[in-house]
């Protein structure tokens, strides 16, 4: 699994917002203290990531993103809706934290 450049995820918007062109549906999962907490978002992908996913046969129109906390960081996975093609990247905890803060997202640990 290769490391993801933080700039590849340009923006993260609540699913209630209108999705911008180049965005995919996504879900984030983290341990909120009482088991896994999931929230749904639209993830705006930068051109380098869109090109990389296209090279793996993933069309942004049919792509979903999953970001989940992992040991020492995060895993960002992109797959087609049928889950037949999947590409995974790793992000360090600090990189994901900076990305979320830049987008006004705060994880609640209770």
PDB file of N, CA and C in Angstrom:
ATOM      1  N   UNK A   1       0.855  -1.162   0.000  1.00  0.00           N
ATOM      2  CA  UNK A   1       0.000   0.000   0.000  1.00  0.00           C
ATOM      3  C   UNK A   1       0.905   1.231   0.000  1.00  0.00           C
ATOM      4  N   UNK A   2       0.617   2.146  -0.919  1.00  0.00           N
ATOM      5  CA  UNK A   2       1.460   3.329  -0.994  1.00  0.00           C
ATOM      6  C   UNK A   2       0.873   4.465  -0.167  1.00  0.00           C
ATOM      7  N   UNK A   3       1.742   5.400   0.184  1.00  0.00           N
ATOM      8  CA  UNK A   3       1.307   6.556   0.961  1.00  0.00           C
ATOM      9  C   UNK A   3       0.579   7.539   0.056  1.00  0.00           C
ATOM     10  N   UNK A   4      -0.432   8.152   0.589  1.00  0.00           N
ATOM     11  CA  UNK A   4      -1.201   9.140  -0.163  1.00  0.00           C
ATOM     12  C   UNK A   4      -0.650  10.528   0.118  1.00  0.00           C
ATOM     13  N   UNK A   5      -0.596  11.341  -0.904  1.00  0.00           N
ATOM     14  CA  UNK A   5      -0.257  12.747  -0.721  1.00  0.00           C
ATOM     15  C   UNK A   5      -1.485  13.439  -0.131  1.00  0.00           C
ATOM     16  N   UNK A   6      -1.347  14.158   0.993  1.00  0.00           N
ATOM     17  CA  UNK A   6      -2.517  14.796   1.594  1.00  0.00           C
ATOM     18  C   UNK A   6      -3.260  15.727   0.639  1.00  0.00           C
ATOM     19  N   UNK A   7      -2.556  16.369  -0.277  1.00  0.00           N
ATOM     20  CA  UNK A   7      -3.201  17.305  -1.206  1.00  0.00           C
ATOM     21  C   UNK A   7      -4.119  16.594  -2.198  1.00  0.00           C
ATOM     22  N   UNK A   8      -4.044  15.263  -2.277  1.00  0.00           N
ATOM     23  CA  UNK A   8      -4.893  14.526  -3.208  1.00  0.00           C
ATOM     24  C   UNK A   8      -6.360  14.608  -2.820  1.00  0.00           C
ATOM     25  N   UNK A   9      -6.634  14.804  -1.539  1.00  0.00           N
ATOM     26  CA  UNK A   9      -8.009  14.991  -1.083  1.00  0.00           C
ATOM     27  C   UNK A   9      -8.186  16.490  -0.879  1.00  0.00           C
ATOM     28  N   UNK A  10      -8.791  17.146  -1.854  1.00  0.00           N
ATOM     29  CA  UNK A  10      -8.879  18.600  -1.807  1.00  0.00           C
ATOM     30  C   UNK A  10      -9.829  19.103  -0.735  1.00  0.00           C
ATOM     31  N   UNK A  11     -10.951  18.454  -0.575  1.00  0.00           N
ATOM     32  CA  UNK A  11     -11.936  18.931   0.389  1.00  0.00           C
ATOM     33  C   UNK A  11     -12.854  17.789   0.793  1.00  0.00           C
ATOM     34  N   UNK A  12     -13.390  17.916   1.989  1.00  0.00           N
ATOM     35  CA  UNK A  12     -14.343  16.950   2.518  1.00  0.00           C
ATOM     36  C   UNK A  12     -15.579  17.752   2.918  1.00  0.00           C
ATOM     37  N   UNK A  13     -16.728  17.383   2.381  1.00  0.00           N
ATOM     38  CA  UNK A  13     -17.961  18.119   2.652  1.00  0.00           C
ATOM     39  C   UNK A  13     -18.984  17.170   3.265  1.00  0.00           C
ATOM     40  N   UNK A  14     -19.827  17.670   4.169  1.00  0.00           N
ATOM     41  CA  UNK A  14     -20.916  16.821   4.671  1.00  0.00           C
ATOM     42  C   UNK A  14     -21.781  16.352   3.512  1.00  0.00           C
ATOM     43  N   UNK A  15     -22.319  15.158   3.602  1.00  0.00           N
ATOM     44  CA  UNK A  15     -23.129  14.600   2.527  1.00  0.00           C
ATOM     45  C   UNK A  15     -24.349  15.477   2.248  1.00  0.00           C
ATOM     46  N   UNK A  16     -24.750  16.319   3.201  1.00  0.00           N
ATOM     47  CA  UNK A  16     -25.904  17.185   2.987  1.00  0.00           C
ATOM     48  C   UNK A  16     -25.601  18.308   1.998  1.00  0.00           C
ATOM     49  N   UNK A  17     -24.317  18.606   1.783  1.00  0.00           N
ATOM     50  CA  UNK A  17     -23.928  19.649   0.829  1.00  0.00           C
ATOM     51  C   UNK A  17     -24.017  19.098  -0.591  1.00  0.00           C
ATOM     52  N   UNK A  18     -24.164  19.981  -1.551  1.00  0.00           N
ATOM     53  CA  UNK A  18     -24.196  19.577  -2.952  1.00  0.00           C
ATOM     54  C   UNK A  18     -22.803  19.115  -3.362  1.00  0.00           C
ATOM     55  N   UNK A  19     -22.718  17.951  -3.972  1.00  0.00           N
ATOM     56  CA  UNK A  19     -21.421  17.410  -4.396  1.00  0.00           C
ATOM     57  C   UNK A  19     -20.878  18.225  -5.562  1.00  0.00           C
ATOM     58  N   UNK A  20     -19.606  18.579  -5.462  1.00  0.00           N
ATOM     59  CA  UNK A  20     -18.950  19.305  -6.546  1.00  0.00           C
ATOM     60  C   UNK A  20     -18.434  18.315  -7.576  1.00  0.00           C
ATOM     61  N   UNK A  21     -18.189  18.804  -8.788  1.00  0.00           N
ATOM     62  CA  UNK A  21     -17.617  17.951  -9.832  1.00  0.00           C
ATOM     63  C   UNK A  21     -16.269  17.430  -9.342  1.00  0.00           C
ATOM     64  N   UNK A  22     -15.997  16.164  -9.610  1.00  0.00           N
ATOM     65  CA  UNK A  22     -14.751  15.552  -9.153  1.00  0.00           C
ATOM     66  C   UNK A  22     -14.836  15.000  -7.748  1.00  0.00           C
ATOM     67  N   UNK A  23     -16.038  15.029  -7.158  1.00  0.00           N
ATOM     68  CA  UNK A  23     -16.238  14.488  -5.818  1.00  0.00           C
ATOM     69  C   UNK A  23     -16.797  13.076  -5.899  1.00  0.00           C
ATOM     70  N   UNK A  24     -16.511  12.294  -4.872  1.00  0.00           N
ATOM     71  CA  UNK A  24     -17.068  10.951  -4.755  1.00  0.00           C
ATOM     72  C   UNK A  24     -17.757  10.834  -3.401  1.00  0.00           C
ATOM     73  N   UNK A  25     -18.715   9.908  -3.308  1.00  0.00           N
ATOM     74  CA  UNK A  25     -19.361   9.635  -2.029  1.00  0.00           C
ATOM     75  C   UNK A  25     -18.343   8.949  -1.132  1.00  0.00           C
ATOM     76  N   UNK A  26     -18.387   9.283   0.147  1.00  0.00           N
ATOM     77  CA  UNK A  26     -17.421   8.674   1.045  1.00  0.00           C
ATOM     78  C   UNK A  26     -17.971   8.462   2.437  1.00  0.00           C
ATOM     79  N   UNK A  27     -17.246   7.660   3.199  1.00  0.00           N
ATOM     80  CA  UNK A  27     -17.574   7.413   4.598  1.00  0.00           C
ATOM     81  C   UNK A  27     -16.282   7.397   5.398  1.00  0.00           C
ATOM     82  N   UNK A  28     -16.320   7.980   6.580  1.00  0.00           N
ATOM     83  CA  UNK A  28     -15.195   7.945   7.503  1.00  0.00           C
ATOM     84  C   UNK A  28     -15.611   7.118   8.704  1.00  0.00           C
ATOM     85  N   UNK A  29     -14.712   6.276   9.187  1.00  0.00           N
ATOM     86  CA  UNK A  29     -14.970   5.498  10.397  1.00  0.00           C
ATOM     87  C   UNK A  29     -13.818   5.725  11.359  1.00  0.00           C
ATOM     88  N   UNK A  30     -14.161   5.971  12.613  1.00  0.00           N
ATOM     89  CA  UNK A  30     -13.141   6.125  13.641  1.00  0.00           C
ATOM     90  C   UNK A  30     -13.700   5.614  14.956  1.00  0.00           C
ATOM     91  N   UNK A  31     -12.820   5.367  15.900  1.00  0.00           N
ATOM     92  CA  UNK A  31     -13.242   4.885  17.205  1.00  0.00           C
ATOM     93  C   UNK A  31     -13.562   6.092  18.070  1.00  0.00           C
ATOM     94  N   UNK A  32     -14.825   6.312  18.291  1.00  0.00           N
ATOM     95  CA  UNK A  32     -15.264   7.460  19.076  1.00  0.00           C
ATOM     96  C   UNK A  32     -15.335   7.187  20.563  1.00  0.00           C
ATOM     97  N   UNK A  33     -14.797   6.081  21.018  1.00  0.00           N
ATOM     98  CA  UNK A  33     -14.810   5.757  22.438  1.00  0.00           C
ATOM     99  C   UNK A  33     -15.867   4.735  22.805  1.00  0.00           C
ATOM    100  N   UNK A  34     -16.893   4.610  21.982  1.00  0.00           N
ATOM    101  CA  UNK A  34     -17.971   3.642  22.226  1.00  0.00           C
ATOM    102  C   UNK A  34     -18.122   2.735  21.014  1.00  0.00           C
ATOM    103  N   UNK A  35     -17.017   2.350  20.415  1.00  0.00           N
ATOM    104  CA  UNK A  35     -17.068   1.560  19.192  1.00  0.00           C
ATOM    105  C   UNK A  35     -16.886   2.464  17.985  1.00  0.00           C
ATOM    106  N   UNK A  36     -17.069   1.905  16.816  1.00  0.00           N
ATOM    107  CA  UNK A  36     -16.849   2.670  15.590  1.00  0.00           C
ATOM    108  C   UNK A  36     -17.965   3.681  15.350  1.00  0.00           C
ATOM    109  N   UNK A  37     -17.566   4.873  14.964  1.00  0.00           N
ATOM    110  CA  UNK A  37     -18.486   5.929  14.566  1.00  0.00           C
ATOM    111  C   UNK A  37     -18.283   6.167  13.082  1.00  0.00           C
ATOM    112  N   UNK A  38     -19.365   6.295  12.335  1.00  0.00           N
ATOM    113  CA  UNK A  38     -19.291   6.513  10.891  1.00  0.00           C
ATOM    114  C   UNK A  38     -19.980   7.824  10.550  1.00  0.00           C
ATOM    115  N   UNK A  39     -19.354   8.616   9.674  1.00  0.00           N
ATOM    116  CA  UNK A  39     -20.053   9.773   9.127  1.00  0.00           C
ATOM    117  C   UNK A  39     -19.848   9.795   7.625  1.00  0.00           C
ATOM    118  N   UNK A  40     -20.854  10.304   6.925  1.00  0.00           N
ATOM    119  CA  UNK A  40     -20.883  10.245   5.465  1.00  0.00           C
ATOM    120  C   UNK A  40     -20.585  11.618   4.880  1.00  0.00           C
ATOM    121  N   UNK A  41     -19.759  11.626   3.848  1.00  0.00           N
ATOM    122  CA  UNK A  41     -19.262  12.870   3.266  1.00  0.00           C
ATOM    123  C   UNK A  41     -19.190  12.757   1.747  1.00  0.00           C
ATOM    124  N   UNK A  42     -18.946  13.880   1.108  1.00  0.00           N
ATOM    125  CA  UNK A  42     -18.513  13.923  -0.283  1.00  0.00           C
ATOM    126  C   UNK A  42     -17.044  14.317  -0.234  1.00  0.00           C
ATOM    127  N   UNK A  43     -16.199  13.584  -0.926  1.00  0.00           N
ATOM    128  CA  UNK A  43     -14.762  13.830  -0.920  1.00  0.00           C
ATOM    129  C   UNK A  43     -14.361  14.362  -2.289  1.00  0.00           C
ATOM    130  N   UNK A  44     -13.809  15.565  -2.303  1.00  0.00           N
ATOM    131  CA  UNK A  44     -13.372  16.189  -3.548  1.00  0.00           C
ATOM    132  C   UNK A  44     -11.941  15.733  -3.842  1.00  0.00           C
ATOM    133  N   UNK A  45     -11.761  15.069  -4.980  1.00  0.00           N
ATOM    134  CA  UNK A  45     -10.463  14.497  -5.331  1.00  0.00           C
ATOM    135  C   UNK A  45      -9.667  15.454  -6.206  1.00  0.00           C
ATOM    136  N   UNK A  46      -8.374  15.579  -5.927  1.00  0.00           N
ATOM    137  CA  UNK A  46      -7.485  16.379  -6.766  1.00  0.00           C
ATOM    138  C   UNK A  46      -7.173  15.603  -8.047  1.00  0.00           C
ATOM    139  N   UNK A  47      -6.791  16.323  -9.077  1.00  0.00           N
ATOM    140  CA  UNK A  47      -6.528  15.718 -10.387  1.00  0.00           C
ATOM    141  C   UNK A  47      -5.522  14.558 -10.329  1.00  0.00           C
ATOM    142  N   UNK A  48      -4.399  14.682  -9.589  1.00  0.00           N
ATOM    143  CA  UNK A  48      -3.460  13.538  -9.567  1.00  0.00           C
ATOM    144  C   UNK A  48      -4.095  12.249  -9.053  1.00  0.00           C
ATOM    145  N   UNK A  49      -4.970  12.365  -8.059  1.00  0.00           N
ATOM    146  CA  UNK A  49      -5.634  11.168  -7.531  1.00  0.00           C
ATOM    147  C   UNK A  49      -6.661  10.642  -8.525  1.00  0.00           C
ATOM    148  N   UNK A  50      -7.408  11.533  -9.166  1.00  0.00           N
ATOM    149  CA  UNK A  50      -8.373  11.082 -10.178  1.00  0.00           C
ATOM    150  C   UNK A  50      -7.656  10.324 -11.289  1.00  0.00           C
ATOM    151  N   UNK A  51      -6.502  10.829 -11.719  1.00  0.00           N
ATOM    152  CA  UNK A  51      -5.737  10.151 -12.765  1.00  0.00           C
ATOM    153  C   UNK A  51      -5.245   8.791 -12.290  1.00  0.00           C
ATOM    154  N   UNK A  52      -4.771   8.730 -11.053  1.00  0.00           N
ATOM    155  CA  UNK A  52      -4.274   7.461 -10.518  1.00  0.00           C
ATOM    156  C   UNK A  52      -5.401   6.435 -10.426  1.00  0.00           C
ATOM    157  N   UNK A  53      -6.565   6.861  -9.968  1.00  0.00           N
ATOM    158  CA  UNK A  53      -7.702   5.942  -9.870  1.00  0.00           C
ATOM    159  C   UNK A  53      -8.156   5.492 -11.253  1.00  0.00           C
ATOM    160  N   UNK A  54      -8.170   6.423 -12.213  1.00  0.00           N
ATOM    161  CA  UNK A  54      -8.549   6.066 -13.585  1.00  0.00           C
ATOM    162  C   UNK A  54      -7.585   5.039 -14.152  1.00  0.00           C
ATOM    163  N   UNK A  55      -6.307   5.162 -13.821  1.00  0.00           N
ATOM    164  CA  UNK A  55      -5.311   4.188 -14.265  1.00  0.00           C
ATOM    165  C   UNK A  55      -5.560   2.801 -13.697  1.00  0.00           C
ATOM    166  N   UNK A  56      -6.275   2.733 -12.581  1.00  0.00           N
ATOM    167  CA  UNK A  56      -6.634   1.452 -11.960  1.00  0.00           C
ATOM    168  C   UNK A  56      -8.032   1.003 -12.388  1.00  0.00           C
ATOM    169  N   UNK A  57      -8.624   1.738 -13.337  1.00  0.00           N
ATOM    170  CA  UNK A  57      -9.939   1.354 -13.845  1.00  0.00           C
ATOM    171  C   UNK A  57     -11.111   1.876 -13.038  1.00  0.00           C
ATOM    172  N   UNK A  58     -10.874   2.868 -12.177  1.00  0.00           N
ATOM    173  CA  UNK A  58     -11.957   3.423 -11.364  1.00  0.00           C
ATOM    174  C   UNK A  58     -12.416   4.757 -11.943  1.00  0.00           C
ATOM    175  N   UNK A  59     -13.691   4.825 -12.301  1.00  0.00           N
ATOM    176  CA  UNK A  59     -14.305   6.043 -12.821  1.00  0.00           C
ATOM    177  C   UNK A  59     -14.886   6.814 -11.635  1.00  0.00           C
ATOM    178  N   UNK A  60     -14.533   8.105 -11.459  1.00  0.00           N
ATOM    179  CA  UNK A  60     -15.058   8.857 -10.310  1.00  0.00           C
ATOM    180  C   UNK A  60     -16.582   8.822 -10.187  1.00  0.00           C
ATOM    181  N   UNK A  61     -17.285   8.691 -11.294  1.00  0.00           N
ATOM    182  CA  UNK A  61     -18.750   8.631 -11.249  1.00  0.00           C
ATOM    183  C   UNK A  61     -19.219   7.402 -10.474  1.00  0.00           C
ATOM    184  N   UNK A  62     -18.449   6.330 -10.511  1.00  0.00           N
ATOM    185  CA  UNK A  62     -18.821   5.052  -9.900  1.00  0.00           C
ATOM    186  C   UNK A  62     -17.894   4.689  -8.736  1.00  0.00           C
ATOM    187  N   UNK A  63     -17.209   5.685  -8.167  1.00  0.00           N
ATOM    188  CA  UNK A  63     -16.230   5.405  -7.118  1.00  0.00           C
ATOM    189  C   UNK A  63     -16.747   5.871  -5.766  1.00  0.00           C
ATOM    190  N   UNK A  64     -16.485   5.082  -4.737  1.00  0.00           N
ATOM    191  CA  UNK A  64     -16.793   5.460  -3.363  1.00  0.00           C
ATOM    192  C   UNK A  64     -15.494   5.438  -2.567  1.00  0.00           C
ATOM    193  N   UNK A  65     -15.424   6.295  -1.561  1.00  0.00           N
ATOM    194  CA  UNK A  65     -14.227   6.403  -0.726  1.00  0.00           C
ATOM    195  C   UNK A  65     -14.551   5.937   0.687  1.00  0.00           C
ATOM    196  N   UNK A  66     -13.607   5.237   1.302  1.00  0.00           N
ATOM    197  CA  UNK A  66     -13.733   4.808   2.692  1.00  0.00           C
ATOM    198  C   UNK A  66     -12.444   5.200   3.403  1.00  0.00           C
ATOM    199  N   UNK A  67     -12.553   5.956   4.471  1.00  0.00           N
ATOM    200  CA  UNK A  67     -11.383   6.302   5.269  1.00  0.00           C
ATOM    201  C   UNK A  67     -11.614   5.746   6.663  1.00  0.00           C
ATOM    202  N   UNK A  68     -10.647   4.984   7.147  1.00  0.00           N
ATOM    203  CA  UNK A  68     -10.810   4.329   8.438  1.00  0.00           C
ATOM    204  C   UNK A  68      -9.522   4.443   9.231  1.00  0.00           C
ATOM    205  N   UNK A  69      -9.668   4.692  10.535  1.00  0.00           N
ATOM    206  CA  UNK A  69      -8.504   4.723  11.399  1.00  0.00           C
ATOM    207  C   UNK A  69      -7.839   3.363  11.409  1.00  0.00           C
ATOM    208  N   UNK A  70      -6.516   3.388  11.397  1.00  0.00           N
ATOM    209  CA  UNK A  70      -5.731   2.157  11.456  1.00  0.00           C
ATOM    210  C   UNK A  70      -4.593   2.393  12.444  1.00  0.00           C
ATOM    211  N   UNK A  71      -3.820   1.400  12.691  1.00  0.00           N
ATOM    212  CA  UNK A  71      -2.682   1.503  13.599  1.00  0.00           C
ATOM    213  C   UNK A  71      -1.761   2.638  13.158  1.00  0.00           C
ATOM    214  N   UNK A  72      -1.689   3.703  13.957  1.00  0.00           N
ATOM    215  CA  UNK A  72      -0.769   4.798  13.684  1.00  0.00           C
ATOM    216  C   UNK A  72      -1.158   5.717  12.544  1.00  0.00           C
ATOM    217  N   UNK A  73      -2.380   5.624  12.039  1.00  0.00           N
ATOM    218  CA  UNK A  73      -2.767   6.493  10.932  1.00  0.00           C
ATOM    219  C   UNK A  73      -4.138   6.153  10.397  1.00  0.00           C
ATOM    220  N   UNK A  74      -4.283   6.313   9.092  1.00  0.00           N
ATOM    221  CA  UNK A  74      -5.550   6.086   8.421  1.00  0.00           C
ATOM    222  C   UNK A  74      -5.322   5.302   7.145  1.00  0.00           C
ATOM    223  N   UNK A  75      -6.336   4.566   6.738  1.00  0.00           N
ATOM    224  CA  UNK A  75      -6.360   3.902   5.434  1.00  0.00           C
ATOM    225  C   UNK A  75      -7.441   4.596   4.615  1.00  0.00           C
ATOM    226  N   UNK A  76      -7.088   5.020   3.422  1.00  0.00           N
ATOM    227  CA  UNK A  76      -8.062   5.599   2.490  1.00  0.00           C
ATOM    228  C   UNK A  76      -8.212   4.613   1.344  1.00  0.00           C
ATOM    229  N   UNK A  77      -9.397   4.066   1.191  1.00  0.00           N
ATOM    230  CA  UNK A  77      -9.658   3.088   0.134  1.00  0.00           C
ATOM    231  C   UNK A  77     -10.667   3.671  -0.844  1.00  0.00           C
ATOM    232  N   UNK A  78     -10.450   3.383  -2.110  1.00  0.00           N
ATOM    233  CA  UNK A  78     -11.347   3.825  -3.171  1.00  0.00           C
ATOM    234  C   UNK A  78     -11.747   2.585  -3.951  1.00  0.00           C
ATOM    235  N   UNK A  79     -13.048   2.434  -4.181  1.00  0.00           N
ATOM    236  CA  UNK A  79     -13.539   1.235  -4.864  1.00  0.00           C
ATOM    237  C   UNK A  79     -14.727   1.600  -5.741  1.00  0.00           C
ATOM    238  N   UNK A  80     -14.999   0.722  -6.714  1.00  0.00           N
ATOM    239  CA  UNK A  80     -16.226   0.908  -7.482  1.00  0.00           C
ATOM    240  C   UNK A  80     -17.386   0.445  -6.603  1.00  0.00           C
ATOM    241  N   UNK A  81     -18.590   0.858  -6.946  1.00  0.00           N
ATOM    242  CA  UNK A  81     -19.735   0.552  -6.091  1.00  0.00           C
ATOM    243  C   UNK A  81     -19.987  -0.942  -5.953  1.00  0.00           C
ATOM    244  N   UNK A  82     -19.564  -1.731  -6.934  1.00  0.00           N
ATOM    245  CA  UNK A  82     -19.728  -3.184  -6.860  1.00  0.00           C
ATOM    246  C   UNK A  82     -18.602  -3.836  -6.052  1.00  0.00           C
ATOM    247  N   UNK A  83     -17.607  -3.039  -5.638  1.00  0.00           N
ATOM    248  CA  UNK A  83     -16.453  -3.513  -4.856  1.00  0.00           C
ATOM    249  C   UNK A  83     -15.621  -4.548  -5.609  1.00  0.00           C
ATOM    250  N   UNK A  84     -15.574  -4.451  -6.928  1.00  0.00           N
ATOM    251  CA  UNK A  84     -14.754  -5.380  -7.708  1.00  0.00           C
ATOM    252  C   UNK A  84     -13.345  -4.842  -7.924  1.00  0.00           C
ATOM    253  N   UNK A  85     -13.180  -3.524  -7.859  1.00  0.00           N
ATOM    254  CA  UNK A  85     -11.867  -2.892  -7.989  1.00  0.00           C
ATOM    255  C   UNK A  85     -11.648  -2.036  -6.756  1.00  0.00           C
ATOM    256  N   UNK A  86     -10.434  -2.091  -6.200  1.00  0.00           N
ATOM    257  CA  UNK A  86     -10.166  -1.349  -4.970  1.00  0.00           C
ATOM    258  C   UNK A  86      -8.713  -0.899  -4.956  1.00  0.00           C
ATOM    259  N   UNK A  87      -8.484   0.351  -4.541  1.00  0.00           N
ATOM    260  CA  UNK A  87      -7.142   0.903  -4.397  1.00  0.00           C
ATOM    261  C   UNK A  87      -7.048   1.470  -2.986  1.00  0.00           C
ATOM    262  N   UNK A  88      -5.973   1.129  -2.260  1.00  0.00           N
ATOM    263  CA  UNK A  88      -5.808   1.605  -0.889  1.00  0.00           C
ATOM    264  C   UNK A  88      -4.544   2.434  -0.758  1.00  0.00           C
ATOM    265  N   UNK A  89      -4.637   3.457   0.089  1.00  0.00           N
ATOM    266  CA  UNK A  89      -3.504   4.312   0.400  1.00  0.00           C
ATOM    267  C   UNK A  89      -3.427   4.470   1.911  1.00  0.00           C
ATOM    268  N   UNK A  90      -2.257   4.834   2.404  1.00  0.00           N
ATOM    269  CA  UNK A  90      -2.112   5.113   3.827  1.00  0.00           C
ATOM    270  C   UNK A  90      -1.876   6.605   4.027  1.00  0.00           C
ATOM    271  N   UNK A  91      -2.353   7.109   5.147  1.00  0.00           N
ATOM    272  CA  UNK A  91      -2.139   8.495   5.554  1.00  0.00           C
ATOM    273  C   UNK A  91      -1.710   8.489   7.008  1.00  0.00           C
ATOM    274  N   UNK A  92      -0.725   9.309   7.338  1.00  0.00           N
ATOM    275  CA  UNK A  92      -0.311   9.429   8.728  1.00  0.00           C
ATOM    276  C   UNK A  92      -1.395  10.167   9.508  1.00  0.00           C
ATOM    277  N   UNK A  93      -1.458   9.909  10.800  1.00  0.00           N
ATOM    278  CA  UNK A  93      -2.477  10.531  11.656  1.00  0.00           C
ATOM    279  C   UNK A  93      -2.447  12.052  11.533  1.00  0.00           C
ATOM    280  N   UNK A  94      -1.260  12.646  11.581  1.00  0.00           N
ATOM    281  CA  UNK A  94      -1.143  14.103  11.496  1.00  0.00           C
ATOM    282  C   UNK A  94      -1.629  14.658  10.171  1.00  0.00           C
ATOM    283  N   UNK A  95      -1.388  13.924   9.086  1.00  0.00           N
ATOM    284  CA  UNK A  95      -1.848  14.371   7.772  1.00  0.00           C
ATOM    285  C   UNK A  95      -3.372  14.394   7.711  1.00  0.00           C
ATOM    286  N   UNK A  96      -4.002  13.329   8.201  1.00  0.00           N
ATOM    287  CA  UNK A  96      -5.459  13.270   8.178  1.00  0.00           C
ATOM    288  C   UNK A  96      -6.047  14.317   9.117  1.00  0.00           C
ATOM    289  N   UNK A  97      -5.426  14.502  10.275  1.00  0.00           N
ATOM    290  CA  UNK A  97      -5.918  15.504  11.225  1.00  0.00           C
ATOM    291  C   UNK A  97      -5.879  16.897  10.601  1.00  0.00           C
ATOM    292  N   UNK A  98      -4.778  17.226   9.921  1.00  0.00           N
ATOM    293  CA  UNK A  98      -4.653  18.534   9.271  1.00  0.00           C
ATOM    294  C   UNK A  98      -5.697  18.693   8.168  1.00  0.00           C
ATOM    295  N   UNK A  99      -5.931  17.631   7.411  1.00  0.00           N
ATOM    296  CA  UNK A  99      -6.924  17.675   6.337  1.00  0.00           C
ATOM    297  C   UNK A  99      -8.321  17.913   6.904  1.00  0.00           C
ATOM    298  N   UNK A 100      -8.655  17.208   7.976  1.00  0.00           N
ATOM    299  CA  UNK A 100      -9.977  17.370   8.566  1.00  0.00           C
ATOM    300  C   UNK A 100     -10.138  18.758   9.175  1.00  0.00           C
ATOM    301  N   UNK A 101      -9.110  19.246   9.866  1.00  0.00           N
ATOM    302  CA  UNK A 101      -9.191  20.578  10.460  1.00  0.00           C
ATOM    303  C   UNK A 101      -9.359  21.643   9.382  1.00  0.00           C
ATOM    304  N   UNK A 102      -8.658  21.487   8.258  1.00  0.00           N
ATOM    305  CA  UNK A 102      -8.767  22.443   7.154  1.00  0.00           C
ATOM    306  C   UNK A 102     -10.179  22.468   6.580  1.00  0.00           C
ATOM    307  N   UNK A 103     -10.920  21.376   6.776  1.00  0.00           N
ATOM    308  CA  UNK A 103     -12.287  21.276   6.264  1.00  0.00           C
ATOM    309  C   UNK A 103     -13.337  21.428   7.367  1.00  0.00           C
ATOM    310  N   UNK A 104     -12.901  21.859   8.546  1.00  0.00           N
ATOM    311  CA  UNK A 104     -13.836  22.108   9.636  1.00  0.00           C
ATOM    312  C   UNK A 104     -14.435  20.866  10.253  1.00  0.00           C
ATOM    313  N   UNK A 105     -13.748  19.724  10.140  1.00  0.00           N
ATOM    314  CA  UNK A 105     -14.254  18.467  10.696  1.00  0.00           C
ATOM    315  C   UNK A 105     -13.506  18.160  11.983  1.00  0.00           C
ATOM    316  N   UNK A 106     -14.262  17.870  13.037  1.00  0.00           N
ATOM    317  CA  UNK A 106     -13.656  17.495  14.314  1.00  0.00           C
ATOM    318  C   UNK A 106     -14.210  16.143  14.725  1.00  0.00           C
ATOM    319  N   UNK A 107     -13.332  15.225  15.048  1.00  0.00           N
ATOM    320  CA  UNK A 107     -13.771  13.915  15.523  1.00  0.00           C
ATOM    321  C   UNK A 107     -14.046  14.023  17.017  1.00  0.00           C
ATOM    322  N   UNK A 108     -15.191  13.539  17.426  1.00  0.00           N
ATOM    323  CA  UNK A 108     -15.580  13.607  18.829  1.00  0.00           C
ATOM    324  C   UNK A 108     -15.196  12.310  19.523  1.00  0.00           C
ATOM    325  N   UNK A 109     -14.338  12.413  20.521  1.00  0.00           N
ATOM    326  CA  UNK A 109     -13.960  11.252  21.331  1.00  0.00           C
ATOM    327  C   UNK A 109     -14.580  11.446  22.703  1.00  0.00           C
ATOM    328  N   UNK A 110     -15.504  10.556  23.041  1.00  0.00           N
ATOM    329  CA  UNK A 110     -16.214  10.701  24.316  1.00  0.00           C
ATOM    330  C   UNK A 110     -15.958   9.515  25.208  1.00  0.00           C
TER     331      UNK A 110
END
